[in-house]
N, C-alpha and C. Protein backbone atom coordinates (compact mmCIF):
# COMPACT_ATOMS: atom_id res chain seq x y z
N UNK A 1 56.68 -98.01 17.78
CA UNK A 1 56.16 -98.57 19.18
C UNK A 1 56.99 -99.93 19.22
N UNK A 2 57.62 -100.36 20.18
CA UNK A 2 58.19 -101.70 20.30
C UNK A 2 56.99 -102.71 20.46
N UNK A 3 56.82 -103.15 19.63
CA UNK A 3 55.50 -104.39 19.71
C UNK A 3 55.68 -105.41 20.75
N UNK A 4 57.19 -106.11 21.00
CA UNK A 4 56.99 -106.55 22.28
C UNK A 4 56.77 -106.75 23.19
N UNK A 5 57.23 -105.30 23.68
CA UNK A 5 56.94 -104.74 25.42
C UNK A 5 55.23 -104.20 25.13
N UNK A 6 54.56 -103.84 23.99
CA UNK A 6 52.91 -103.44 23.96
C UNK A 6 52.21 -104.94 24.21
N UNK A 7 52.90 -105.70 23.71
CA UNK A 7 52.38 -106.95 23.91
C UNK A 7 52.25 -108.04 24.85
N UNK A 8 53.55 -107.68 25.72
CA UNK A 8 53.88 -108.18 26.93
C UNK A 8 52.58 -106.99 28.49
N UNK A 9 52.60 -105.61 27.95
CA UNK A 9 52.10 -105.00 28.90
C UNK A 9 50.33 -105.55 28.34
N UNK A 10 50.15 -105.59 27.28
CA UNK A 10 48.86 -106.06 27.12
C UNK A 10 48.22 -107.14 27.95
N UNK A 11 49.02 -108.40 27.75
CA UNK A 11 49.17 -110.15 28.22
C UNK A 11 48.86 -109.89 29.56
N UNK A 12 49.99 -108.77 30.32
CA UNK A 12 49.74 -108.83 31.97
C UNK A 12 48.58 -108.17 32.37
N UNK A 13 47.87 -106.74 31.45
CA UNK A 13 46.90 -106.87 31.62
C UNK A 13 45.51 -107.19 31.94
N UNK A 14 45.45 -108.21 30.61
CA UNK A 14 44.47 -108.88 30.34
C UNK A 14 44.40 -110.04 31.69
N UNK A 15 45.20 -110.48 32.19
CA UNK A 15 45.45 -111.28 33.16
C UNK A 15 45.17 -110.81 34.57
N UNK A 16 45.33 -109.55 34.75
CA UNK A 16 45.18 -109.15 35.64
C UNK A 16 43.96 -108.85 36.13
N UNK A 17 43.36 -108.22 35.24
CA UNK A 17 42.02 -107.86 35.06
C UNK A 17 40.87 -109.38 35.18
N UNK A 18 41.03 -110.25 34.99
CA UNK A 18 40.35 -111.46 35.05
C UNK A 18 40.81 -111.87 36.21
N UNK A 19 42.20 -112.13 36.69
CA UNK A 19 42.27 -112.56 38.33
C UNK A 19 41.81 -111.89 39.13
N UNK A 20 41.69 -110.49 39.18
CA UNK A 20 41.21 -109.54 40.25
C UNK A 20 39.69 -109.44 40.02
N UNK A 21 39.17 -109.86 38.55
CA UNK A 21 37.61 -109.60 38.58
C UNK A 21 37.53 -108.31 38.41
N UNK A 22 37.90 -107.84 38.03
CA UNK A 22 37.66 -106.46 37.98
C UNK A 22 36.60 -105.92 36.67
N UNK A 23 35.71 -104.87 37.09
CA UNK A 23 34.58 -104.80 36.27
C UNK A 23 34.44 -103.33 35.95
N UNK A 24 33.60 -103.08 35.31
CA UNK A 24 33.50 -101.53 34.32
C UNK A 24 33.31 -100.62 35.75
N UNK A 25 34.56 -99.39 35.55
CA UNK A 25 34.06 -98.65 36.86
C UNK A 25 35.54 -98.89 37.72
N UNK A 26 36.18 -99.83 37.97
CA UNK A 26 37.13 -100.25 38.99
C UNK A 26 38.01 -99.25 38.07
N UNK A 27 39.24 -99.23 38.88
CA UNK A 27 40.37 -98.40 38.66
C UNK A 27 41.87 -99.39 38.62
N UNK A 28 42.51 -99.35 37.85
CA UNK A 28 44.03 -99.75 37.91
C UNK A 28 44.99 -99.09 38.22
N UNK A 29 45.72 -99.21 39.26
CA UNK A 29 47.13 -98.25 39.12
C UNK A 29 48.13 -99.06 38.52
N UNK A 30 49.15 -98.19 37.80
CA UNK A 30 50.04 -98.59 37.16
C UNK A 30 51.42 -97.96 37.55
N UNK A 31 52.46 -97.78 37.66
CA UNK A 31 53.75 -97.29 37.98
C UNK A 31 54.82 -98.33 37.22
N UNK A 32 55.44 -97.25 36.28
CA UNK A 32 56.41 -98.13 35.22
C UNK A 32 57.10 -97.07 35.39
N UNK A 33 58.58 -98.04 35.36
CA UNK A 33 59.93 -97.28 34.92
C UNK A 33 59.98 -97.72 34.08
N UNK A 34 60.02 -96.78 32.80
CA UNK A 34 60.26 -97.03 31.52
C UNK A 34 62.16 -97.42 31.32
N UNK A 35 62.88 -96.78 32.26
CA UNK A 35 64.35 -97.19 32.28
C UNK A 35 64.44 -98.31 32.52
N UNK A 36 64.00 -99.15 33.95
CA UNK A 36 63.93 -100.26 34.00
C UNK A 36 63.20 -101.42 33.04
N UNK A 37 62.16 -100.91 31.86
CA UNK A 37 61.70 -101.82 30.74
C UNK A 37 62.91 -101.74 29.89
N UNK A 38 63.41 -100.81 29.60
CA UNK A 38 64.52 -100.53 28.84
C UNK A 38 66.09 -101.49 29.12
N UNK A 39 66.00 -101.75 30.24
CA UNK A 39 67.28 -102.43 30.75
C UNK A 39 68.54 -101.70 31.31
N UNK A 40 67.89 -100.42 31.74
CA UNK A 40 68.45 -99.36 32.63
C UNK A 40 68.10 -99.61 34.45
N UNK A 41 68.34 -98.61 34.95
CA UNK A 41 68.11 -98.00 36.03
C UNK A 41 67.49 -97.16 36.38
N UNK A 42 66.26 -97.32 37.28
CA UNK A 42 64.75 -96.60 37.09
C UNK A 42 65.82 -95.40 37.61
N UNK A 43 64.96 -94.50 37.05
CA UNK A 43 65.09 -92.77 37.13
C UNK A 43 66.36 -92.37 36.54
N UNK A 44 67.30 -93.44 35.56
CA UNK A 44 68.22 -93.05 34.75
C UNK A 44 68.26 -92.57 33.69
N UNK A 45 67.19 -93.79 32.71
CA UNK A 45 66.97 -93.60 31.27
C UNK A 45 65.85 -93.48 30.61
N UNK A 46 64.91 -92.06 31.19
CA UNK A 46 64.11 -91.95 30.89
C UNK A 46 63.15 -92.66 29.46
N UNK A 47 62.31 -93.31 28.66
CA UNK A 47 62.20 -93.17 27.64
C UNK A 47 60.44 -92.96 27.05
N UNK A 48 60.20 -92.13 26.29
CA UNK A 48 58.77 -91.86 25.71
C UNK A 48 58.44 -93.07 24.77
N UNK A 49 59.28 -93.35 24.57
CA UNK A 49 59.25 -94.33 23.32
C UNK A 49 58.88 -95.87 23.78
N UNK A 50 59.06 -96.15 24.72
CA UNK A 50 59.00 -97.36 26.00
C UNK A 50 57.95 -97.06 26.57
N UNK A 51 57.72 -96.13 27.30
CA UNK A 51 56.28 -95.76 28.26
C UNK A 51 55.38 -96.09 27.34
N UNK A 52 55.36 -95.08 26.03
CA UNK A 52 54.25 -95.57 24.88
C UNK A 52 53.61 -96.80 24.84
N UNK A 53 54.88 -97.61 24.34
CA UNK A 53 54.70 -99.19 24.44
C UNK A 53 53.64 -99.81 25.31
N UNK A 54 54.72 -99.38 26.40
CA UNK A 54 53.25 -100.33 27.83
C UNK A 54 52.16 -99.35 28.07
N UNK A 55 52.34 -98.23 28.01
CA UNK A 55 50.86 -97.64 28.28
C UNK A 55 50.00 -97.89 27.11
N UNK A 56 50.64 -98.13 25.86
CA UNK A 56 49.33 -98.75 24.84
C UNK A 56 48.63 -99.73 25.07
N UNK A 57 49.55 -100.67 25.35
CA UNK A 57 49.02 -102.33 25.89
C UNK A 57 47.96 -102.15 27.09
N UNK A 58 48.62 -101.38 27.98
CA UNK A 58 47.59 -101.40 29.23
C UNK A 58 46.54 -100.67 29.22
N UNK A 59 46.48 -99.67 28.19
CA UNK A 59 45.25 -98.47 28.16
C UNK A 59 44.09 -99.30 27.28
N UNK A 60 44.89 -99.78 25.99
CA UNK A 60 43.97 -100.52 24.92
C UNK A 60 43.16 -101.61 25.72
N UNK A 61 43.59 -102.61 26.68
CA UNK A 61 42.71 -103.70 27.55
C UNK A 61 41.69 -102.68 28.47
N UNK A 62 42.36 -101.76 29.03
CA UNK A 62 41.24 -101.02 30.11
C UNK A 62 40.55 -100.30 29.58
N UNK A 63 40.32 -99.34 28.59
CA UNK A 63 39.32 -98.42 27.84
C UNK A 63 38.73 -99.62 27.24
N UNK A 64 39.00 -100.56 26.61
CA UNK A 64 37.75 -101.35 26.34
C UNK A 64 36.68 -102.27 27.16
N UNK A 65 37.34 -102.11 28.42
CA UNK A 65 36.66 -103.24 29.38
C UNK A 65 35.95 -101.83 30.63
N UNK A 66 36.33 -100.88 30.02
CA UNK A 66 35.34 -99.49 31.08
C UNK A 66 36.45 -99.45 32.55
N UNK A 67 37.05 -99.78 32.45
CA UNK A 67 38.17 -99.70 33.80
C UNK A 67 39.48 -98.56 33.40
N UNK A 68 39.45 -97.92 35.01
CA UNK A 68 40.06 -96.89 34.44
C UNK A 68 41.10 -97.00 35.09
N UNK A 69 42.35 -96.29 34.11
CA UNK A 69 43.79 -96.14 34.10
C UNK A 69 44.44 -95.00 35.23
N UNK A 70 44.59 -95.54 36.25
CA UNK A 70 45.42 -94.56 37.07
C UNK A 70 47.09 -94.77 36.99
N UNK A 71 47.66 -93.85 36.09
CA UNK A 71 49.39 -93.25 35.89
C UNK A 71 49.85 -93.09 37.20
N UNK A 72 50.64 -93.54 37.81
CA UNK A 72 51.91 -93.36 38.83
C UNK A 72 52.99 -92.87 38.79
N UNK A 73 53.05 -91.47 38.74
CA UNK A 73 54.41 -90.70 38.72
C UNK A 73 55.39 -91.11 39.23
N UNK A 74 56.32 -90.66 39.04
CA UNK A 74 57.77 -91.41 39.90
C UNK A 74 58.15 -90.16 41.24
N UNK A 75 58.65 -90.57 42.03
CA UNK A 75 59.34 -90.18 43.33
C UNK A 75 59.14 -88.57 43.07
N UNK A 76 59.81 -87.96 42.16
CA UNK A 76 60.35 -86.40 42.32
C UNK A 76 58.48 -85.77 42.16
N UNK A 77 57.39 -85.87 41.76
CA UNK A 77 56.16 -85.96 42.04
C UNK A 77 55.67 -86.05 43.19
N UNK A 78 56.23 -86.90 43.89
CA UNK A 78 55.59 -87.98 45.25
C UNK A 78 54.87 -89.16 45.03
N UNK A 79 54.93 -89.21 43.96
CA UNK A 79 54.43 -90.68 43.24
C UNK A 79 52.92 -90.28 43.24
N UNK A 80 52.46 -89.10 42.70
CA UNK A 80 51.52 -88.50 42.68
C UNK A 80 50.34 -89.21 41.46
N UNK A 81 49.13 -89.31 41.37
CA UNK A 81 48.50 -90.06 40.08
C UNK A 81 47.89 -89.27 39.06
N UNK A 82 47.81 -89.45 37.95
CA UNK A 82 47.63 -88.97 36.57
C UNK A 82 46.05 -90.25 36.56
N UNK A 83 45.05 -89.49 36.21
CA UNK A 83 44.06 -89.94 36.08
C UNK A 83 42.82 -89.13 35.33
N UNK A 84 41.90 -90.12 34.45
CA UNK A 84 40.75 -89.37 33.75
C UNK A 84 39.80 -88.92 34.80
N UNK A 85 39.64 -87.89 34.70
CA UNK A 85 38.31 -86.86 35.48
C UNK A 85 37.29 -88.36 35.86
N UNK A 86 36.57 -87.99 34.86
CA UNK A 86 35.68 -88.57 35.22
C UNK A 86 35.60 -90.08 36.18
N UNK A 87 36.76 -90.67 36.36
CA UNK A 87 37.18 -91.30 37.36
C UNK A 87 37.00 -90.90 38.80
N UNK A 88 37.24 -90.11 38.74
CA UNK A 88 37.27 -89.50 40.24
C UNK A 88 36.59 -88.01 40.56
N UNK A 89 35.13 -88.31 40.30
CA UNK A 89 34.82 -86.72 40.43
C UNK A 89 34.43 -85.79 41.19
N UNK A 90 34.89 -86.49 42.55
CA UNK A 90 35.18 -85.79 43.68
C UNK A 90 36.28 -85.44 44.77
N UNK A 91 37.07 -86.12 43.85
CA UNK A 91 38.44 -85.97 44.14
C UNK A 91 39.06 -84.57 44.38
N UNK A 92 39.76 -84.15 45.01
CA UNK A 92 41.10 -83.57 44.98
C UNK A 92 41.76 -83.19 44.76
N UNK A 93 42.07 -82.01 43.66
CA UNK A 93 42.57 -82.30 42.31
C UNK A 93 43.49 -81.31 42.97
N UNK A 94 45.07 -81.63 42.45
CA UNK A 94 46.90 -81.19 42.39
C UNK A 94 47.04 -80.57 41.10
N UNK A 95 47.58 -79.87 41.45
CA UNK A 95 48.53 -78.68 39.96
C UNK A 95 49.65 -79.33 39.83
N UNK A 96 49.70 -80.23 38.72
CA UNK A 96 51.56 -80.64 38.18
C UNK A 96 51.11 -81.15 36.76
N UNK A 97 51.85 -81.05 36.06
CA UNK A 97 51.71 -81.69 34.90
C UNK A 97 53.34 -82.58 34.92
N UNK A 98 53.20 -84.03 34.26
CA UNK A 98 54.48 -84.85 34.79
C UNK A 98 55.16 -84.65 33.55
N UNK A 99 56.22 -84.62 33.34
CA UNK A 99 57.24 -84.23 32.62
C UNK A 99 58.21 -85.68 32.47
N UNK A 100 59.19 -85.96 31.42
CA UNK A 100 59.77 -87.42 31.65
C UNK A 100 61.07 -87.26 32.77
N UNK A 101 61.48 -86.36 33.08
CA UNK A 101 62.43 -86.24 34.22
C UNK A 101 61.90 -85.84 35.75
N UNK A 102 60.45 -85.58 35.18
CA UNK A 102 59.93 -85.40 36.93
C UNK A 102 58.02 -85.56 37.13
N UNK A 103 58.34 -86.72 37.04
CA UNK A 103 56.82 -87.55 36.78
C UNK A 103 57.25 -89.02 35.95
N UNK A 104 57.97 -88.71 35.20
CA UNK A 104 58.12 -90.05 34.64
C UNK A 104 57.61 -90.21 33.57
N UNK A 105 58.05 -90.85 32.35
CA UNK A 105 57.87 -91.02 30.87
C UNK A 105 56.45 -91.74 30.86
N UNK A 106 55.94 -92.61 31.78
CA UNK A 106 54.90 -93.28 31.68
C UNK A 106 53.82 -92.38 31.75
N UNK A 107 54.11 -91.77 33.31
CA UNK A 107 52.71 -90.80 33.36
C UNK A 107 52.82 -89.52 32.93
N UNK A 108 53.75 -88.90 31.89
CA UNK A 108 53.67 -88.05 31.34
C UNK A 108 52.53 -88.39 29.34
N UNK A 109 53.14 -89.88 29.44
CA UNK A 109 51.98 -90.22 28.24
C UNK A 109 50.81 -90.31 28.52
N UNK A 110 50.52 -90.92 29.80
CA UNK A 110 48.99 -90.63 30.33
C UNK A 110 48.58 -89.15 30.30
N UNK A 111 49.08 -88.70 30.97
CA UNK A 111 48.27 -86.99 30.72
C UNK A 111 48.26 -86.20 29.09
N UNK A 112 49.29 -86.57 28.47
CA UNK A 112 49.46 -86.51 27.24
C UNK A 112 48.16 -87.15 26.04
N UNK A 113 47.83 -88.42 26.48
CA UNK A 113 46.98 -89.38 25.97
C UNK A 113 45.26 -89.11 26.64
N UNK A 114 45.56 -89.02 27.86
CA UNK A 114 44.19 -89.33 28.53
C UNK A 114 43.13 -87.86 27.80
N UNK A 115 42.05 -88.09 28.02
CA UNK A 115 40.89 -86.80 27.30
C UNK A 115 41.08 -85.63 28.35
N UNK A 116 41.11 -86.18 29.52
CA UNK A 116 40.69 -85.21 30.50
C UNK A 116 41.29 -85.84 31.84
N UNK A 117 42.89 -85.19 31.77
CA UNK A 117 43.61 -85.88 32.58
C UNK A 117 43.78 -84.59 34.12
N UNK A 118 43.67 -85.40 34.91
CA UNK A 118 43.84 -84.57 36.47
C UNK A 118 44.61 -84.93 37.32
N UNK A 119 45.54 -84.50 37.85
CA UNK A 119 46.38 -85.39 39.16
C UNK A 119 46.07 -85.35 40.15
N UNK A 120 46.26 -86.19 40.86
CA UNK A 120 45.92 -86.69 42.57
C UNK A 120 46.43 -86.82 43.34
N UNK A 121 46.70 -86.54 44.57
CA UNK A 121 47.63 -86.74 45.34
C UNK A 121 47.88 -88.30 45.68
N UNK A 122 46.80 -88.65 45.93
CA UNK A 122 46.51 -90.88 46.60
C UNK A 122 45.19 -91.09 45.43
N UNK A 123 44.95 -92.43 45.81
CA UNK A 123 44.17 -92.76 44.59
C UNK A 123 44.17 -94.46 45.69
N UNK A 124 42.82 -94.97 45.90
CA UNK A 124 42.97 -95.98 45.95
C UNK A 124 41.96 -97.04 45.40
N UNK A 125 43.15 -98.00 44.57
CA UNK A 125 42.48 -99.08 43.39
C UNK A 125 42.41 -100.21 43.88
N UNK A 126 41.57 -100.83 42.86
CA UNK A 126 41.15 -102.64 43.16
C UNK A 126 42.15 -103.37 42.59
N UNK A 127 43.25 -103.05 41.83
CA UNK A 127 44.31 -103.61 41.19
C UNK A 127 45.49 -102.40 40.80
N UNK A 128 46.58 -103.69 40.63
CA UNK A 128 48.00 -102.94 40.16
C UNK A 128 49.01 -103.47 39.99
N UNK A 129 49.84 -103.03 38.56
CA UNK A 129 50.69 -103.30 38.64
C UNK A 129 52.20 -102.46 38.55
N UNK A 130 53.03 -103.19 39.01
CA UNK A 130 54.03 -102.34 39.43
C UNK A 130 54.99 -102.90 38.49
N UNK A 131 55.86 -102.31 37.60
CA UNK A 131 56.57 -101.90 36.39
C UNK A 131 58.28 -101.69 36.86
N UNK A 132 58.86 -102.55 37.04
CA UNK A 132 60.44 -101.68 37.46
C UNK A 132 60.29 -101.40 38.58
N UNK A 133 59.58 -101.72 40.02
CA UNK A 133 59.92 -101.23 41.34
C UNK A 133 59.29 -100.07 41.69
N UNK A 134 58.53 -99.91 41.30
CA UNK A 134 57.76 -98.45 41.47
C UNK A 134 57.23 -98.34 42.69
N UNK A 135 56.86 -99.15 43.22
CA UNK A 135 56.29 -98.42 44.97
C UNK A 135 54.93 -98.16 44.97
N UNK A 136 53.56 -98.81 44.03
CA UNK A 136 52.38 -98.59 43.75
C UNK A 136 51.55 -98.72 44.94
N UNK A 137 52.36 -99.71 46.18
CA UNK A 137 51.25 -100.32 47.37
C UNK A 137 50.81 -99.16 47.92
N UNK A 138 51.00 -97.53 48.24
CA UNK A 138 50.22 -96.86 48.76
C UNK A 138 49.20 -96.15 48.08
N UNK A 139 48.77 -96.64 46.75
CA UNK A 139 47.52 -96.67 45.74
C UNK A 139 47.02 -97.44 45.48
N UNK A 140 46.86 -98.50 46.58
CA UNK A 140 45.89 -99.71 46.50
C UNK A 140 45.06 -99.74 47.96
N UNK A 141 43.91 -99.98 47.60
CA UNK A 141 42.94 -100.24 48.58
C UNK A 141 43.97 -101.19 50.17
N UNK A 142 43.17 -100.98 51.17
CA UNK A 142 43.92 -102.00 52.30
C UNK A 142 44.46 -103.04 52.47
N UNK A 143 43.51 -104.04 51.84
CA UNK A 143 44.16 -105.39 52.06
C UNK A 143 44.15 -105.85 50.21
N UNK A 144 45.78 -105.31 50.02
CA UNK A 144 46.52 -105.98 49.04
C UNK A 144 46.78 -106.90 48.73
N UNK A 145 46.70 -108.00 47.79
CA UNK A 145 47.01 -109.56 47.72
C UNK A 145 47.65 -109.97 46.59
N UNK A 146 48.78 -109.95 46.67
CA UNK A 146 49.81 -110.56 45.24
C UNK A 146 49.25 -111.77 44.77
N UNK A 147 49.72 -111.02 43.60
CA UNK A 147 48.67 -111.82 42.41
C UNK A 147 49.57 -112.52 41.38
N UNK A 148 49.65 -113.60 41.31
CA UNK A 148 50.79 -114.29 40.09
C UNK A 148 50.24 -114.38 38.82
N UNK A 149 50.83 -113.41 37.80
CA UNK A 149 50.70 -113.57 36.12
C UNK A 149 51.81 -114.72 35.15
N UNK A 150 51.39 -114.81 34.66
CA UNK A 150 52.69 -115.91 33.51
C UNK A 150 53.61 -114.88 33.21
N UNK A 151 53.53 -114.08 32.95
CA UNK A 151 54.77 -113.32 32.76
C UNK A 151 55.44 -112.52 34.54
N UNK A 152 56.72 -112.33 34.04
CA UNK A 152 57.12 -111.95 35.89
C UNK A 152 58.27 -110.58 35.05
N UNK A 153 58.09 -110.61 33.75
CA UNK A 153 59.08 -109.27 33.39
C UNK A 153 58.26 -108.47 32.09
N UNK A 154 58.17 -107.09 32.19
CA UNK A 154 57.93 -106.51 30.86
C UNK A 154 59.19 -105.69 30.43
N UNK A 155 59.73 -106.50 28.88
CA UNK A 155 61.30 -106.05 28.91
C UNK A 155 62.01 -106.42 30.07
N UNK A 156 62.65 -105.96 30.49
CA UNK A 156 63.87 -106.04 31.28
C UNK A 156 63.37 -105.88 33.03
N UNK A 157 62.30 -105.28 32.97
CA UNK A 157 61.90 -104.64 33.91
C UNK A 157 60.75 -105.97 35.04
N UNK A 158 60.89 -106.04 36.18
CA UNK A 158 60.78 -107.03 37.15
C UNK A 158 58.88 -106.67 37.01
N UNK A 159 58.31 -107.15 36.95
CA UNK A 159 56.39 -107.08 37.09
C UNK A 159 56.03 -108.15 38.55
N UNK A 160 55.57 -107.03 39.10
CA UNK A 160 54.61 -107.02 39.86
C UNK A 160 53.33 -106.88 40.03
N UNK A 161 51.68 -107.87 40.48
CA UNK A 161 50.65 -107.74 40.53
C UNK A 161 49.99 -107.82 41.36
N UNK A 162 49.21 -107.01 41.63
CA UNK A 162 48.22 -107.13 42.79
C UNK A 162 46.55 -107.11 42.98
N UNK A 163 46.16 -107.68 43.61
CA UNK A 163 44.60 -107.63 43.52
C UNK A 163 44.42 -106.59 44.81
N UNK A 164 42.92 -106.35 45.10
CA UNK A 164 42.93 -105.99 46.30
C UNK A 164 41.39 -106.66 46.84
N UNK A 165 41.02 -106.73 48.47
CA UNK A 165 39.66 -107.52 48.61
C UNK A 165 39.23 -106.93 49.37
N UNK A 166 37.82 -107.15 50.23
CA UNK A 166 37.26 -106.37 51.00
C UNK A 166 37.84 -106.59 52.19
N UNK A 167 38.22 -106.03 53.74
CA UNK A 167 38.61 -106.46 54.73
C UNK A 167 37.67 -107.01 55.56
N UNK A 168 38.61 -108.26 55.83
CA UNK A 168 37.32 -109.14 57.11
C UNK A 168 37.21 -108.47 58.62
N UNK A 169 36.14 -108.31 59.11
CA UNK A 169 35.97 -107.74 59.91
C UNK A 169 34.46 -108.39 60.95
N UNK A 170 34.92 -108.42 62.16
CA UNK A 170 34.23 -109.21 62.68
C UNK A 170 34.75 -110.53 64.07
N UNK A 171 34.36 -111.37 64.09
CA UNK A 171 34.96 -112.46 64.75
C UNK A 171 34.62 -113.36 64.75
N UNK A 172 34.78 -114.77 65.85
CA UNK A 172 34.94 -116.69 65.42
C UNK A 172 33.31 -116.26 64.44
N UNK A 173 32.00 -115.58 64.73
CA UNK A 173 30.65 -116.14 64.24
C UNK A 173 31.14 -115.34 62.95
N UNK A 174 31.58 -114.36 62.55
CA UNK A 174 31.05 -114.09 61.35
C UNK A 174 31.36 -114.74 59.97
N UNK A 175 30.74 -114.05 58.98
CA UNK A 175 30.22 -115.12 57.68
C UNK A 175 30.68 -114.13 56.54
N UNK A 176 31.23 -114.62 55.53
CA UNK A 176 32.24 -113.34 54.64
C UNK A 176 31.68 -114.04 53.26
N UNK A 177 31.24 -113.31 52.40
CA UNK A 177 30.61 -113.54 50.85
C UNK A 177 31.65 -113.62 50.31
N UNK A 178 32.14 -114.77 49.81
CA UNK A 178 32.90 -115.38 49.04
C UNK A 178 32.72 -115.15 47.40
N UNK A 179 31.57 -114.16 47.02
CA UNK A 179 31.87 -113.47 45.96
C UNK A 179 32.82 -112.09 45.85
N UNK A 180 33.16 -111.68 46.76
CA UNK A 180 34.07 -110.61 46.80
C UNK A 180 34.90 -110.67 47.66
N UNK A 181 35.11 -111.68 47.59
CA UNK A 181 36.98 -112.47 47.88
C UNK A 181 38.11 -111.74 46.92
């Protein structure tokens, strides 16, 4: 396992958990191009070894905090989500098993590692990490807030983080709860 990649993924996850104020039961979506992390072009050089290092750093942090990981598949599976069934007990499950060239190495690693993996067409996550330009926005709650981390790359891949917040509704007389911003 690439320890540097593992440590970068772990650090980014710890920072986002803190900045997004994630708590037990929340969901973090992660899209990861192992090709980009390794210095290649997204979709061209999928690497299980690289994906395992990234997944390990993220999964170790989230599991210790009771936060669910939603692994985004690549475009060949319409960016489906792989998640533990307990995280989404009432969701409509779809039937697909990701592979390195159809789903991506990160989602494949999640499927092989999770105790009871299921695939979904979509999810509304509380925060997310986009590693290598995987376009996770479709799987975040309605109001996504770009979130700066101390890292802007994992390996060679660009890293973009987001948290979400509740929508503001009402007009000029509305009052908002600062605790859920």
